[in-house]
Amino acid sequence: SISAMNWYRQAPGKQRELVATITSGGFTIYANSVKGRFTISRDNAKNT
């Protein structure tokens, strides 16, 4: 039943922020601060 997978991060004293999202179909979204440096991916066979 899992849909999108997301990575968030939280630095000390700061709010948790969304870093990247990947949908079940492989569509990706990135925070502006990590675009071009971070890549999100998923392996559905490994559930990872």
ModelCIF file with pLDDT and N, C-alpha, C, O atoms, coordinates in Angstrom:
data_MODEL
#
_entry.id   MODEL 
#
_entity.id                         1 
_entity.type                       polymer 
_entity.pdbx_number_of_molecules   1 
#
_entity_poly.entity_id                      1 
_entity_poly.type                           'polypeptide(L)' 
_entity_poly.nstd_linkage                   no 
_entity_poly.nstd_monomer                   no 
_entity_poly.pdbx_seq_one_letter_code       SISAMNWYRQAPGKQRELVATITSGGFTIYANSVKGRFTISRDNAKNT 
_entity_poly.pdbx_seq_one_letter_code_can   SISAMNWYRQAPGKQRELVATITSGGFTIYANSVKGRFTISRDNAKNT 
_entity_poly.pdbx_strand_id                 A 
#
loop_
_entity_poly_seq.entity_id 
_entity_poly_seq.num 
_entity_poly_seq.mon_id 
_entity_poly_seq.hetero 
1 1  SER n 
1 2  ILE n 
1 3  SER n 
1 4  ALA n 
1 5  MET n 
1 6  ASN n 
1 7  TRP n 
1 8  TYR n 
1 9  ARG n 
1 10 GLN n 
1 11 ALA n 
1 12 PRO n 
1 13 GLY n 
1 14 LYS n 
1 15 GLN n 
1 16 ARG n 
1 17 GLU n 
1 18 LEU n 
1 19 VAL n 
1 20 ALA n 
1 21 THR n 
1 22 ILE n 
1 23 THR n 
1 24 SER n 
1 25 GLY n 
1 26 GLY n 
1 27 PHE n 
1 28 THR n 
1 29 ILE n 
1 30 TYR n 
1 31 ALA n 
1 32 ASN n 
1 33 SER n 
1 34 VAL n 
1 35 LYS n 
1 36 GLY n 
1 37 ARG n 
1 38 PHE n 
1 39 THR n 
1 40 ILE n 
1 41 SER n 
1 42 ARG n 
1 43 ASP n 
1 44 ASN n 
1 45 ALA n 
1 46 LYS n 
1 47 ASN n 
1 48 THR n 
#
_struct_asym.id          A 
_struct_asym.entity_id   1 
#
loop_
_ma_qa_metric.id 
_ma_qa_metric.mode 
_ma_qa_metric.name 
_ma_qa_metric.software_group_id 
_ma_qa_metric.type 
1 global pLDDT . pLDDT 
2 local  pLDDT . pLDDT 
#
_ma_qa_metric_global.metric_id      1 
_ma_qa_metric_global.metric_value   94.38 
_ma_qa_metric_global.model_id       1 
_ma_qa_metric_global.ordinal_id     1 
#
loop_
_ma_qa_metric_local.label_asym_id 
_ma_qa_metric_local.label_comp_id 
_ma_qa_metric_local.label_seq_id 
_ma_qa_metric_local.metric_id 
_ma_qa_metric_local.metric_value 
_ma_qa_metric_local.model_id 
_ma_qa_metric_local.ordinal_id 
A SER 1  2 75.00 1 1  
A ILE 2  2 81.00 1 2  
A SER 3  2 85.00 1 3  
A ALA 4  2 92.00 1 4  
A MET 5  2 95.00 1 5  
A ASN 6  2 97.00 1 6  
A TRP 7  2 98.00 1 7  
A TYR 8  2 98.00 1 8  
A ARG 9  2 98.00 1 9  
A GLN 10 2 98.00 1 10 
A ALA 11 2 96.00 1 11 
A PRO 12 2 92.00 1 12 
A GLY 13 2 94.00 1 13 
A LYS 14 2 96.00 1 14 
A GLN 15 2 97.00 1 15 
A ARG 16 2 97.00 1 16 
A GLU 17 2 98.00 1 17 
A LEU 18 2 98.00 1 18 
A VAL 19 2 98.00 1 19 
A ALA 20 2 98.00 1 20 
A THR 21 2 98.00 1 21 
A ILE 22 2 96.00 1 22 
A THR 23 2 92.00 1 23 
A SER 24 2 87.00 1 24 
A GLY 25 2 88.00 1 25 
A GLY 26 2 91.00 1 26 
A PHE 27 2 96.00 1 27 
A THR 28 2 97.00 1 28 
A ILE 29 2 97.00 1 29 
A TYR 30 2 98.00 1 30 
A ALA 31 2 98.00 1 31 
A ASN 32 2 98.00 1 32 
A SER 33 2 97.00 1 33 
A VAL 34 2 98.00 1 34 
A LYS 35 2 98.00 1 35 
A GLY 36 2 97.00 1 36 
A ARG 37 2 98.00 1 37 
A PHE 38 2 98.00 1 38 
A THR 39 2 98.00 1 39 
A ILE 40 2 98.00 1 40 
A SER 41 2 96.00 1 41 
A ARG 42 2 93.00 1 42 
A ASP 43 2 92.00 1 43 
A ASN 44 2 87.00 1 44 
A ALA 45 2 89.00 1 45 
A LYS 46 2 90.00 1 46 
A ASN 47 2 90.00 1 47 
A THR 48 2 94.00 1 48 
#
loop_
_atom_site.group_PDB 
_atom_site.id 
_atom_site.type_symbol 
_atom_site.label_atom_id 
_atom_site.label_alt_id 
_atom_site.label_comp_id 
_atom_site.label_asym_id 
_atom_site.label_entity_id 
_atom_site.label_seq_id 
_atom_site.pdbx_PDB_ins_code 
_atom_site.Cartn_x 
_atom_site.Cartn_y 
_atom_site.Cartn_z 
_atom_site.occupancy 
_atom_site.B_iso_or_equiv 
_atom_site.pdbx_formal_charge 
_atom_site.auth_seq_id 
_atom_site.auth_comp_id 
_atom_site.auth_asym_id 
_atom_site.auth_atom_id 
_atom_site.pdbx_PDB_model_num 
ATOM 1   N N  . SER A 1 1  ? 0.797  -1.215 0.000   1.00 75.00 ? 1  SER A N  1 
ATOM 2   C CA . SER A 1 1  ? 0.000  0.000  0.000   1.00 75.00 ? 1  SER A CA 1 
ATOM 3   C C  . SER A 1 1  ? 0.834  1.272  0.000   1.00 75.00 ? 1  SER A C  1 
ATOM 4   O O  . SER A 1 1  ? 0.294  2.377  0.060   1.00 75.00 ? 1  SER A O  1 
ATOM 5   N N  . ILE A 1 2  ? 2.155  1.115  -0.067  1.00 81.00 ? 2  ILE A N  1 
ATOM 6   C CA . ILE A 1 2  ? 3.035  2.285  -0.046  1.00 81.00 ? 2  ILE A CA 1 
ATOM 7   C C  . ILE A 1 2  ? 2.899  3.076  -1.334  1.00 81.00 ? 2  ILE A C  1 
ATOM 8   O O  . ILE A 1 2  ? 2.848  2.506  -2.424  1.00 81.00 ? 2  ILE A O  1 
ATOM 9   N N  . SER A 1 3  ? 2.840  4.395  -1.200  1.00 85.00 ? 3  SER A N  1 
ATOM 10  C CA . SER A 1 3  ? 2.796  5.250  -2.387  1.00 85.00 ? 3  SER A CA 1 
ATOM 11  C C  . SER A 1 3  ? 4.148  5.944  -2.537  1.00 85.00 ? 3  SER A C  1 
ATOM 12  O O  . SER A 1 3  ? 5.159  5.285  -2.779  1.00 85.00 ? 3  SER A O  1 
ATOM 13  N N  . ALA A 1 4  ? 4.169  7.247  -2.398  1.00 92.00 ? 4  ALA A N  1 
ATOM 14  C CA . ALA A 1 4  ? 5.417  7.991  -2.557  1.00 92.00 ? 4  ALA A CA 1 
ATOM 15  C C  . ALA A 1 4  ? 6.364  7.723  -1.387  1.00 92.00 ? 4  ALA A C  1 
ATOM 16  O O  . ALA A 1 4  ? 5.939  7.439  -0.267  1.00 92.00 ? 4  ALA A O  1 
ATOM 17  N N  . MET A 1 5  ? 7.635  7.823  -1.679  1.00 95.00 ? 5  MET A N  1 
ATOM 18  C CA . MET A 1 5  ? 8.678  7.755  -0.649  1.00 95.00 ? 5  MET A CA 1 
ATOM 19  C C  . MET A 1 5  ? 9.320  9.140  -0.567  1.00 95.00 ? 5  MET A C  1 
ATOM 20  O O  . MET A 1 5  ? 9.558  9.797  -1.581  1.00 95.00 ? 5  MET A O  1 
ATOM 21  N N  . ASN A 1 6  ? 9.587  9.555  0.646   1.00 97.00 ? 6  ASN A N  1 
ATOM 22  C CA . ASN A 1 6  ? 10.102 10.899 0.854   1.00 97.00 ? 6  ASN A CA 1 
ATOM 23  C C  . ASN A 1 6  ? 11.324 10.879 1.772   1.00 97.00 ? 6  ASN A C  1 
ATOM 24  O O  . ASN A 1 6  ? 11.437 10.043 2.669   1.00 97.00 ? 6  ASN A O  1 
ATOM 25  N N  . TRP A 1 7  ? 12.222 11.810 1.526   1.00 98.00 ? 7  TRP A N  1 
ATOM 26  C CA . TRP A 1 7  ? 13.321 12.064 2.455   1.00 98.00 ? 7  TRP A CA 1 
ATOM 27  C C  . TRP A 1 7  ? 13.131 13.459 3.042   1.00 98.00 ? 7  TRP A C  1 
ATOM 28  O O  . TRP A 1 7  ? 12.934 14.430 2.312   1.00 98.00 ? 7  TRP A O  1 
ATOM 29  N N  . TYR A 1 8  ? 13.192 13.542 4.353   1.00 98.00 ? 8  TYR A N  1 
ATOM 30  C CA . TYR A 1 8  ? 13.163 14.799 5.080   1.00 98.00 ? 8  TYR A CA 1 
ATOM 31  C C  . TYR A 1 8  ? 14.473 14.926 5.845   1.00 98.00 ? 8  TYR A C  1 
ATOM 32  O O  . TYR A 1 8  ? 15.214 13.956 6.004   1.00 98.00 ? 8  TYR A O  1 
ATOM 33  N N  . ARG A 1 9  ? 14.742 16.126 6.311   1.00 98.00 ? 9  ARG A N  1 
ATOM 34  C CA . ARG A 1 9  ? 15.888 16.326 7.196   1.00 98.00 ? 9  ARG A CA 1 
ATOM 35  C C  . ARG A 1 9  ? 15.554 17.375 8.238   1.00 98.00 ? 9  ARG A C  1 
ATOM 36  O O  . ARG A 1 9  ? 14.713 18.250 8.031   1.00 98.00 ? 9  ARG A O  1 
ATOM 37  N N  . GLN A 1 10 ? 16.234 17.258 9.359   1.00 98.00 ? 10 GLN A N  1 
ATOM 38  C CA . GLN A 1 10 ? 16.042 18.215 10.437  1.00 98.00 ? 10 GLN A CA 1 
ATOM 39  C C  . GLN A 1 10 ? 17.384 18.513 11.078  1.00 98.00 ? 10 GLN A C  1 
ATOM 40  O O  . GLN A 1 10 ? 18.054 17.627 11.609  1.00 98.00 ? 10 GLN A O  1 
ATOM 41  N N  . ALA A 1 11 ? 17.761 19.783 11.016  1.00 96.00 ? 11 ALA A N  1 
ATOM 42  C CA . ALA A 1 11 ? 18.984 20.249 11.658  1.00 96.00 ? 11 ALA A CA 1 
ATOM 43  C C  . ALA A 1 11 ? 18.639 20.755 13.054  1.00 96.00 ? 11 ALA A C  1 
ATOM 44  O O  . ALA A 1 11 ? 17.494 21.132 13.304  1.00 96.00 ? 11 ALA A O  1 
ATOM 45  N N  . PRO A 1 12 ? 19.601 20.771 13.962  1.00 92.00 ? 12 PRO A N  1 
ATOM 46  C CA . PRO A 1 12 ? 19.333 21.259 15.321  1.00 92.00 ? 12 PRO A CA 1 
ATOM 47  C C  . PRO A 1 12 ? 18.762 22.663 15.315  1.00 92.00 ? 12 PRO A C  1 
ATOM 48  O O  . PRO A 1 12 ? 19.311 23.564 14.680  1.00 92.00 ? 12 PRO A O  1 
ATOM 49  N N  . GLY A 1 13 ? 17.660 22.846 16.023  1.00 94.00 ? 13 GLY A N  1 
ATOM 50  C CA . GLY A 1 13 ? 17.044 24.152 16.123  1.00 94.00 ? 13 GLY A CA 1 
ATOM 51  C C  . GLY A 1 13 ? 16.223 24.573 14.920  1.00 94.00 ? 13 GLY A C  1 
ATOM 52  O O  . GLY A 1 13 ? 15.724 25.696 14.865  1.00 94.00 ? 13 GLY A O  1 
ATOM 53  N N  . LYS A 1 14 ? 16.082 23.677 13.961  1.00 96.00 ? 14 LYS A N  1 
ATOM 54  C CA . LYS A 1 14 ? 15.332 24.015 12.758  1.00 96.00 ? 14 LYS A CA 1 
ATOM 55  C C  . LYS A 1 14 ? 14.163 23.050 12.576  1.00 96.00 ? 14 LYS A C  1 
ATOM 56  O O  . LYS A 1 14 ? 14.129 21.962 13.151  1.00 96.00 ? 14 LYS A O  1 
ATOM 57  N N  . GLN A 1 15 ? 13.214 23.484 11.761  1.00 97.00 ? 15 GLN A N  1 
ATOM 58  C CA . GLN A 1 15 ? 12.073 22.612 11.461  1.00 97.00 ? 15 GLN A CA 1 
ATOM 59  C C  . GLN A 1 15 ? 12.474 21.525 10.480  1.00 97.00 ? 15 GLN A C  1 
ATOM 60  O O  . GLN A 1 15 ? 13.405 21.679 9.690   1.00 97.00 ? 15 GLN A O  1 
ATOM 61  N N  . ARG A 1 16 ? 11.752 20.435 10.553  1.00 97.00 ? 16 ARG A N  1 
ATOM 62  C CA . ARG A 1 16 ? 11.983 19.362 9.596   1.00 97.00 ? 16 ARG A CA 1 
ATOM 63  C C  . ARG A 1 16 ? 11.547 19.845 8.213   1.00 97.00 ? 16 ARG A C  1 
ATOM 64  O O  . ARG A 1 16 ? 10.492 20.463 8.072   1.00 97.00 ? 16 ARG A O  1 
ATOM 65  N N  . GLU A 1 17 ? 12.354 19.565 7.205   1.00 98.00 ? 17 GLU A N  1 
ATOM 66  C CA . GLU A 1 17 ? 12.048 20.025 5.858   1.00 98.00 ? 17 GLU A CA 1 
ATOM 67  C C  . GLU A 1 17 ? 12.104 18.859 4.869   1.00 98.00 ? 17 GLU A C  1 
ATOM 68  O O  . GLU A 1 17 ? 12.861 17.902 5.033   1.00 98.00 ? 17 GLU A O  1 
ATOM 69  N N  . LEU A 1 18 ? 11.268 18.985 3.838   1.00 98.00 ? 18 LEU A N  1 
ATOM 70  C CA . LEU A 1 18 ? 11.240 17.981 2.783   1.00 98.00 ? 18 LEU A CA 1 
ATOM 71  C C  . LEU A 1 18 ? 12.438 18.176 1.867   1.00 98.00 ? 18 LEU A C  1 
ATOM 72  O O  . LEU A 1 18 ? 12.689 19.280 1.384   1.00 98.00 ? 18 LEU A O  1 
ATOM 73  N N  . VAL A 1 19 ? 13.170 17.106 1.633   1.00 98.00 ? 19 VAL A N  1 
ATOM 74  C CA . VAL A 1 19 ? 14.344 17.158 0.772   1.00 98.00 ? 19 VAL A CA 1 
ATOM 75  C C  . VAL A 1 19 ? 14.006 16.649 -0.629  1.00 98.00 ? 19 VAL A C  1 
ATOM 76  O O  . VAL A 1 19 ? 14.338 17.292 -1.624  1.00 98.00 ? 19 VAL A O  1 
ATOM 77  N N  . ALA A 1 20 ? 13.352 15.502 -0.702  1.00 98.00 ? 20 ALA A N  1 
ATOM 78  C CA . ALA A 1 20 ? 13.055 14.906 -2.008  1.00 98.00 ? 20 ALA A CA 1 
ATOM 79  C C  . ALA A 1 20 ? 11.915 13.914 -1.877  1.00 98.00 ? 20 ALA A C  1 
ATOM 80  O O  . ALA A 1 20 ? 11.695 13.316 -0.823  1.00 98.00 ? 20 ALA A O  1 
ATOM 81  N N  . THR A 1 21 ? 11.193 13.757 -2.984  1.00 98.00 ? 21 THR A N  1 
ATOM 82  C CA . THR A 1 21 ? 10.066 12.831 -3.060  1.00 98.00 ? 21 THR A CA 1 
ATOM 83  C C  . THR A 1 21 ? 10.172 12.044 -4.352  1.00 98.00 ? 21 THR A C  1 
ATOM 84  O O  . THR A 1 21 ? 10.581 12.577 -5.384  1.00 98.00 ? 21 THR A O  1 
ATOM 85  N N  . ILE A 1 22 ? 9.801  10.771 -4.289  1.00 96.00 ? 22 ILE A N  1 
ATOM 86  C CA . ILE A 1 22 ? 9.668  9.967  -5.496  1.00 96.00 ? 22 ILE A CA 1 
ATOM 87  C C  . ILE A 1 22 ? 8.342  9.226  -5.419  1.00 96.00 ? 22 ILE A C  1 
ATOM 88  O O  . ILE A 1 22 ? 8.058  8.540  -4.437  1.00 96.00 ? 22 ILE A O  1 
ATOM 89  N N  . THR A 1 23 ? 7.534  9.371  -6.464  1.00 92.00 ? 23 THR A N  1 
ATOM 90  C CA . THR A 1 23 ? 6.234  8.703  -6.481  1.00 92.00 ? 23 THR A CA 1 
ATOM 91  C C  . THR A 1 23 ? 6.389  7.240  -6.877  1.00 92.00 ? 23 THR A C  1 
ATOM 92  O O  . THR A 1 23 ? 7.474  6.801  -7.260  1.00 92.00 ? 23 THR A O  1 
ATOM 93  N N  . SER A 1 24 ? 5.310  6.502  -6.782  1.00 87.00 ? 24 SER A N  1 
ATOM 94  C CA . SER A 1 24 ? 5.353  5.091  -7.164  1.00 87.00 ? 24 SER A CA 1 
ATOM 95  C C  . SER A 1 24 ? 5.670  4.938  -8.648  1.00 87.00 ? 24 SER A C  1 
ATOM 96  O O  . SER A 1 24 ? 6.189  3.906  -9.072  1.00 87.00 ? 24 SER A O  1 
ATOM 97  N N  . GLY A 1 25 ? 5.361  5.956  -9.429  1.00 88.00 ? 25 GLY A N  1 
ATOM 98  C CA . GLY A 1 25 ? 5.660  5.914  -10.858 1.00 88.00 ? 25 GLY A CA 1 
ATOM 99  C C  . GLY A 1 25 ? 7.021  6.464  -11.223 1.00 88.00 ? 25 GLY A C  1 
ATOM 100 O O  . GLY A 1 25 ? 7.401  6.467  -12.394 1.00 88.00 ? 25 GLY A O  1 
ATOM 101 N N  . GLY A 1 26 ? 7.766  6.935  -10.217 1.00 91.00 ? 26 GLY A N  1 
ATOM 102 C CA . GLY A 1 26 ? 9.119  7.401  -10.473 1.00 91.00 ? 26 GLY A CA 1 
ATOM 103 C C  . GLY A 1 26 ? 9.275  8.901  -10.681 1.00 91.00 ? 26 GLY A C  1 
ATOM 104 O O  . GLY A 1 26 ? 10.368 9.382  -10.980 1.00 91.00 ? 26 GLY A O  1 
ATOM 105 N N  . PHE A 1 27 ? 8.173  9.642  -10.522 1.00 96.00 ? 27 PHE A N  1 
ATOM 106 C CA . PHE A 1 27 ? 8.278  11.099 -10.630 1.00 96.00 ? 27 PHE A CA 1 
ATOM 107 C C  . PHE A 1 27 ? 8.994  11.645 -9.402  1.00 96.00 ? 27 PHE A C  1 
ATOM 108 O O  . PHE A 1 27 ? 8.728  11.211 -8.281  1.00 96.00 ? 27 PHE A O  1 
ATOM 109 N N  . THR A 1 28 ? 9.900  12.593 -9.610  1.00 97.00 ? 28 THR A N  1 
ATOM 110 C CA . THR A 1 28 ? 10.701 13.106 -8.499  1.00 97.00 ? 28 THR A CA 1 
ATOM 111 C C  . THR A 1 28 ? 10.532 14.608 -8.315  1.00 97.00 ? 28 THR A C  1 
ATOM 112 O O  . THR A 1 28 ? 10.300 15.353 -9.267  1.00 97.00 ? 28 THR A O  1 
ATOM 113 N N  . ILE A 1 29 ? 10.656 15.021 -7.076  1.00 97.00 ? 29 ILE A N  1 
ATOM 114 C CA . ILE A 1 29 ? 10.598 16.432 -6.690  1.00 97.00 ? 29 ILE A CA 1 
ATOM 115 C C  . ILE A 1 29 ? 11.726 16.677 -5.707  1.00 97.00 ? 29 ILE A C  1 
ATOM 116 O O  . ILE A 1 29 ? 12.007 15.832 -4.857  1.00 97.00 ? 29 ILE A O  1 
ATOM 117 N N  . TYR A 1 30 ? 12.379 17.841 -5.820  1.00 98.00 ? 30 TYR A N  1 
ATOM 118 C CA . TYR A 1 30 ? 13.491 18.172 -4.941  1.00 98.00 ? 30 TYR A CA 1 
ATOM 119 C C  . TYR A 1 30 ? 13.317 19.561 -4.341  1.00 98.00 ? 30 TYR A C  1 
ATOM 120 O O  . TYR A 1 30 ? 12.722 20.450 -4.950  1.00 98.00 ? 30 TYR A O  1 
ATOM 121 N N  . ALA A 1 31 ? 13.842 19.723 -3.150  1.00 98.00 ? 31 ALA A N  1 
ATOM 122 C CA . ALA A 1 31 ? 13.960 21.049 -2.578  1.00 98.00 ? 31 ALA A CA 1 
ATOM 123 C C  . ALA A 1 31 ? 14.992 21.833 -3.388  1.00 98.00 ? 31 ALA A C  1 
ATOM 124 O O  . ALA A 1 31 ? 15.958 21.268 -3.900  1.00 98.00 ? 31 ALA A O  1 
ATOM 125 N N  . ASN A 1 32 ? 14.769 23.131 -3.491  1.00 98.00 ? 32 ASN A N  1 
ATOM 126 C CA . ASN A 1 32 ? 15.689 23.959 -4.283  1.00 98.00 ? 32 ASN A CA 1 
ATOM 127 C C  . ASN A 1 32 ? 17.121 23.859 -3.759  1.00 98.00 ? 32 ASN A C  1 
ATOM 128 O O  . ASN A 1 32 ? 18.073 23.932 -4.536  1.00 98.00 ? 32 ASN A O  1 
ATOM 129 N N  . SER A 1 33 ? 17.272 23.697 -2.472  1.00 97.00 ? 33 SER A N  1 
ATOM 130 C CA . SER A 1 33 ? 18.601 23.685 -1.864  1.00 97.00 ? 33 SER A CA 1 
ATOM 131 C C  . SER A 1 33 ? 19.429 22.457 -2.253  1.00 97.00 ? 33 SER A C  1 
ATOM 132 O O  . SER A 1 33 ? 20.648 22.461 -2.082  1.00 97.00 ? 33 SER A O  1 
ATOM 133 N N  . VAL A 1 34 ? 18.786 21.408 -2.772  1.00 98.00 ? 34 VAL A N  1 
ATOM 134 C CA . VAL A 1 34 ? 19.536 20.189 -3.104  1.00 98.00 ? 34 VAL A CA 1 
ATOM 135 C C  . VAL A 1 34 ? 19.473 19.838 -4.585  1.00 98.00 ? 34 VAL A C  1 
ATOM 136 O O  . VAL A 1 34 ? 20.100 18.871 -5.016  1.00 98.00 ? 34 VAL A O  1 
ATOM 137 N N  . LYS A 1 35 ? 18.731 20.601 -5.359  1.00 98.00 ? 35 LYS A N  1 
ATOM 138 C CA . LYS A 1 35 ? 18.617 20.305 -6.795  1.00 98.00 ? 35 LYS A CA 1 
ATOM 139 C C  . LYS A 1 35 ? 19.980 20.294 -7.458  1.00 98.00 ? 35 LYS A C  1 
ATOM 140 O O  . LYS A 1 35 ? 20.805 21.179 -7.230  1.00 98.00 ? 35 LYS A O  1 
ATOM 141 N N  . GLY A 1 36 ? 20.206 19.290 -8.273  1.00 97.00 ? 36 GLY A N  1 
ATOM 142 C CA . GLY A 1 36 ? 21.476 19.169 -8.970  1.00 97.00 ? 36 GLY A CA 1 
ATOM 143 C C  . GLY A 1 36 ? 22.558 18.479 -8.169  1.00 97.00 ? 36 GLY A C  1 
ATOM 144 O O  . GLY A 1 36 ? 23.609 18.134 -8.708  1.00 97.00 ? 36 GLY A O  1 
ATOM 145 N N  . ARG A 1 37 ? 22.306 18.269 -6.861  1.00 98.00 ? 37 ARG A N  1 
ATOM 146 C CA . ARG A 1 37 ? 23.307 17.606 -6.014  1.00 98.00 ? 37 ARG A CA 1 
ATOM 147 C C  . ARG A 1 37 ? 22.795 16.271 -5.465  1.00 98.00 ? 37 ARG A C  1 
ATOM 148 O O  . ARG A 1 37 ? 23.568 15.327 -5.307  1.00 98.00 ? 37 ARG A O  1 
ATOM 149 N N  . PHE A 1 38 ? 21.512 16.196 -5.179  1.00 98.00 ? 38 PHE A N  1 
ATOM 150 C CA . PHE A 1 38 ? 20.917 14.992 -4.610  1.00 98.00 ? 38 PHE A CA 1 
ATOM 151 C C  . PHE A 1 38 ? 20.062 14.297 -5.654  1.00 98.00 ? 38 PHE A C  1 
ATOM 152 O O  . PHE A 1 38 ? 19.459 14.945 -6.510  1.00 98.00 ? 38 PHE A O  1 
ATOM 153 N N  . THR A 1 39 ? 20.016 12.978 -5.578  1.00 98.00 ? 39 THR A N  1 
ATOM 154 C CA . THR A 1 39 ? 19.168 12.183 -6.462  1.00 98.00 ? 39 THR A CA 1 
ATOM 155 C C  . THR A 1 39 ? 18.420 11.140 -5.647  1.00 98.00 ? 39 THR A C  1 
ATOM 156 O O  . THR A 1 39 ? 19.024 10.337 -4.937  1.00 98.00 ? 39 THR A O  1 
ATOM 157 N N  . ILE A 1 40 ? 17.104 11.164 -5.757  1.00 98.00 ? 40 ILE A N  1 
ATOM 158 C CA . ILE A 1 40 ? 16.285 10.160 -5.085  1.00 98.00 ? 40 ILE A CA 1 
ATOM 159 C C  . ILE A 1 40 ? 15.913 9.072  -6.081  1.00 98.00 ? 40 ILE A C  1 
ATOM 160 O O  . ILE A 1 40 ? 15.640 9.356  -7.248  1.00 98.00 ? 40 ILE A O  1 
ATOM 161 N N  . SER A 1 41 ? 15.904 7.849  -5.626  1.00 96.00 ? 41 SER A N  1 
ATOM 162 C CA . SER A 1 41 ? 15.528 6.723  -6.481  1.00 96.00 ? 41 SER A CA 1 
ATOM 163 C C  . SER A 1 41 ? 14.874 5.654  -5.622  1.00 96.00 ? 41 SER A C  1 
ATOM 164 O O  . SER A 1 41 ? 14.907 5.726  -4.394  1.00 96.00 ? 41 SER A O  1 
ATOM 165 N N  . ARG A 1 42 ? 14.285 4.670  -6.270  1.00 93.00 ? 42 ARG A N  1 
ATOM 166 C CA . ARG A 1 42 ? 13.675 3.574  -5.520  1.00 93.00 ? 42 ARG A CA 1 
ATOM 167 C C  . ARG A 1 42 ? 13.813 2.283  -6.303  1.00 93.00 ? 42 ARG A C  1 
ATOM 168 O O  . ARG A 1 42 ? 13.793 2.271  -7.534  1.00 93.00 ? 42 ARG A O  1 
ATOM 169 N N  . ASP A 1 43 ? 13.951 1.213  -5.566  1.00 92.00 ? 43 ASP A N  1 
ATOM 170 C CA . ASP A 1 43 ? 14.001 -0.131 -6.139  1.00 92.00 ? 43 ASP A CA 1 
ATOM 171 C C  . ASP A 1 43 ? 12.793 -0.866 -5.564  1.00 92.00 ? 43 ASP A C  1 
ATOM 172 O O  . ASP A 1 43 ? 12.827 -1.339 -4.429  1.00 92.00 ? 43 ASP A O  1 
ATOM 173 N N  . ASN A 1 44 ? 11.736 -0.956 -6.350  1.00 87.00 ? 44 ASN A N  1 
ATOM 174 C CA . ASN A 1 44 ? 10.501 -1.550 -5.851  1.00 87.00 ? 44 ASN A CA 1 
ATOM 175 C C  . ASN A 1 44 ? 10.672 -3.031 -5.534  1.00 87.00 ? 44 ASN A C  1 
ATOM 176 O O  . ASN A 1 44 ? 9.992  -3.561 -4.656  1.00 87.00 ? 44 ASN A O  1 
ATOM 177 N N  . ALA A 1 45 ? 11.571 -3.696 -6.240  1.00 89.00 ? 45 ALA A N  1 
ATOM 178 C CA . ALA A 1 45 ? 11.794 -5.122 -5.978  1.00 89.00 ? 45 ALA A CA 1 
ATOM 179 C C  . ALA A 1 45 ? 12.418 -5.339 -4.599  1.00 89.00 ? 45 ALA A C  1 
ATOM 180 O O  . ALA A 1 45 ? 12.201 -6.365 -3.955  1.00 89.00 ? 45 ALA A O  1 
ATOM 181 N N  . LYS A 1 46 ? 13.194 -4.355 -4.164  1.00 90.00 ? 46 LYS A N  1 
ATOM 182 C CA . LYS A 1 46 ? 13.854 -4.443 -2.849  1.00 90.00 ? 46 LYS A CA 1 
ATOM 183 C C  . LYS A 1 46 ? 13.122 -3.639 -1.791  1.00 90.00 ? 46 LYS A C  1 
ATOM 184 O O  . LYS A 1 46 ? 13.530 -3.611 -0.630  1.00 90.00 ? 46 LYS A O  1 
ATOM 185 N N  . ASN A 1 47 ? 12.028 -2.977 -2.196  1.00 90.00 ? 47 ASN A N  1 
ATOM 186 C CA . ASN A 1 47 ? 11.268 -2.145 -1.253  1.00 90.00 ? 47 ASN A CA 1 
ATOM 187 C C  . ASN A 1 47 ? 12.160 -1.129 -0.556  1.00 90.00 ? 47 ASN A C  1 
ATOM 188 O O  . ASN A 1 47 ? 12.059 -0.910 0.651   1.00 90.00 ? 47 ASN A O  1 
ATOM 189 N N  . THR A 1 48 ? 13.022 -0.523 -1.333  1.00 94.00 ? 48 THR A N  1 
ATOM 190 C CA . THR A 1 48 ? 14.021 0.382  -0.782  1.00 94.00 ? 48 THR A CA 1 
ATOM 191 C C  . THR A 1 48 ? 14.079 1.666  -1.603  1.00 94.00 ? 48 THR A C  1 
ATOM 192 O O  . THR A 1 48 ? 14.867 2.560  -1.294  1.00 94.00 ? 48 THR A O  1 
#
